[in-house]
Protein backbone atom coordinates (compact mmCIF):
# COMPACT_ATOMS: atom_id res chain seq x y z
CA MET A 1 -11.46 -5.16 -1.81
CA ASN A 2 -10.03 -5.60 -5.29
CA LEU A 3 -6.45 -4.88 -4.38
CA GLN A 4 -5.01 -4.81 -7.89
CA ALA A 5 -7.72 -2.43 -9.13
CA LEU A 6 -7.07 -0.11 -6.19
CA MET A 7 -3.33 -0.25 -6.79
CA ASP A 8 -3.86 0.49 -10.49
CA LYS A 9 -6.16 3.41 -9.67
CA HIS A 10 -3.50 5.01 -7.47
CA LYS A 11 -0.54 3.90 -9.61
CA ILE A 12 0.96 1.80 -6.83
CA ARG A 13 3.27 -0.97 -7.99
CA HIS A 14 3.74 -4.22 -6.09
CA ALA A 15 7.20 -3.04 -5.02
CA ASP A 16 5.71 0.25 -3.78
CA LEU A 17 3.09 -1.46 -1.64
CA ALA A 18 5.71 -3.86 -0.29
CA PHE A 19 7.86 -0.89 0.74
CA ILE A 20 4.94 1.02 2.26
CA THR A 21 3.79 -1.97 4.30
CA GLY A 22 7.21 -3.34 5.21
CA ARG A 23 6.42 -6.63 3.50
CA THR A 24 7.90 -8.40 0.49
CA THR A 25 6.74 -8.18 -3.10
CA ARG A 26 5.92 -11.87 -2.79
CA ALA A 27 3.50 -11.10 0.06
CA VAL A 28 1.85 -8.38 -2.05
CA HIS A 29 1.52 -10.84 -4.95
CA GLN A 30 -0.14 -13.31 -2.61
CA TRP A 31 -2.60 -10.65 -1.40
CA VAL A 32 -3.46 -9.65 -4.97
CA TYR A 33 -4.15 -13.25 -6.01
CA GLY A 34 -6.02 -14.17 -2.84
CA ILE A 35 -3.42 -16.66 -1.64
CA ARG A 36 -3.07 -14.82 1.67
CA PRO A 37 -5.46 -12.34 3.25
CA ILE A 38 -4.64 -8.65 3.08
CA PRO A 39 -3.52 -7.45 6.53
CA ARG A 40 -6.05 -5.19 8.22
CA SER A 41 -3.53 -2.35 8.52
CA THR A 42 -2.91 -2.46 4.77
CA GLU A 43 -6.63 -2.52 4.03
CA LEU A 44 -7.21 0.48 6.30
CA LEU A 45 -4.35 2.44 4.75
CA LEU A 46 -5.52 1.77 1.20
CA THR A 47 -9.15 2.50 2.07
CA ALA A 48 -8.12 5.84 3.60
CA LEU A 49 -6.13 6.64 0.47
CA ASP A 50 -8.99 5.63 -1.83
CA GLU A 51 -11.57 7.62 0.14
CA GLY A 52 -9.42 10.76 0.11
CA GLN A 53 -8.73 10.71 3.84
CA ILE A 54 -5.02 10.79 3.03
CA SER A 55 -3.34 11.78 -0.21
CA GLU A 56 -0.53 10.27 -2.20
CA ALA A 57 1.51 13.39 -1.39
CA TRP A 58 0.92 12.96 2.36
CA LEU A 59 1.91 9.30 2.19
CA ALA A 60 5.04 10.08 0.17
CA GLN A 61 6.01 12.83 2.64
CA LYS A 62 5.63 10.50 5.63
CA LEU A 63 7.62 7.75 3.91
CA ALA A 64 10.41 10.19 3.00
CA LYS A 65 10.52 11.47 6.59
CA HIS A 66 10.69 7.92 7.90
CA LEU A 67 13.55 7.04 5.53
CA ALA A 68 15.46 10.17 6.49
CA SER A 69 15.28 9.26 10.18
CA ARG A 70 16.93 5.87 9.65
């Protein structure tokens, strides 16, 4: 998986992916540059997004709902 290309395609910034995954922007940077492997859960989420199984709107709605419940 070319993480940066996928992020660019869906207009996801490093900070966005860090927020979505509950990781740091440093961790995302390390995934992008191959320093650390991409967690399976992150790969699955991004694959589902890329294959149209979930939409950006659905993801944003779920994130907003999660933030509201805090």
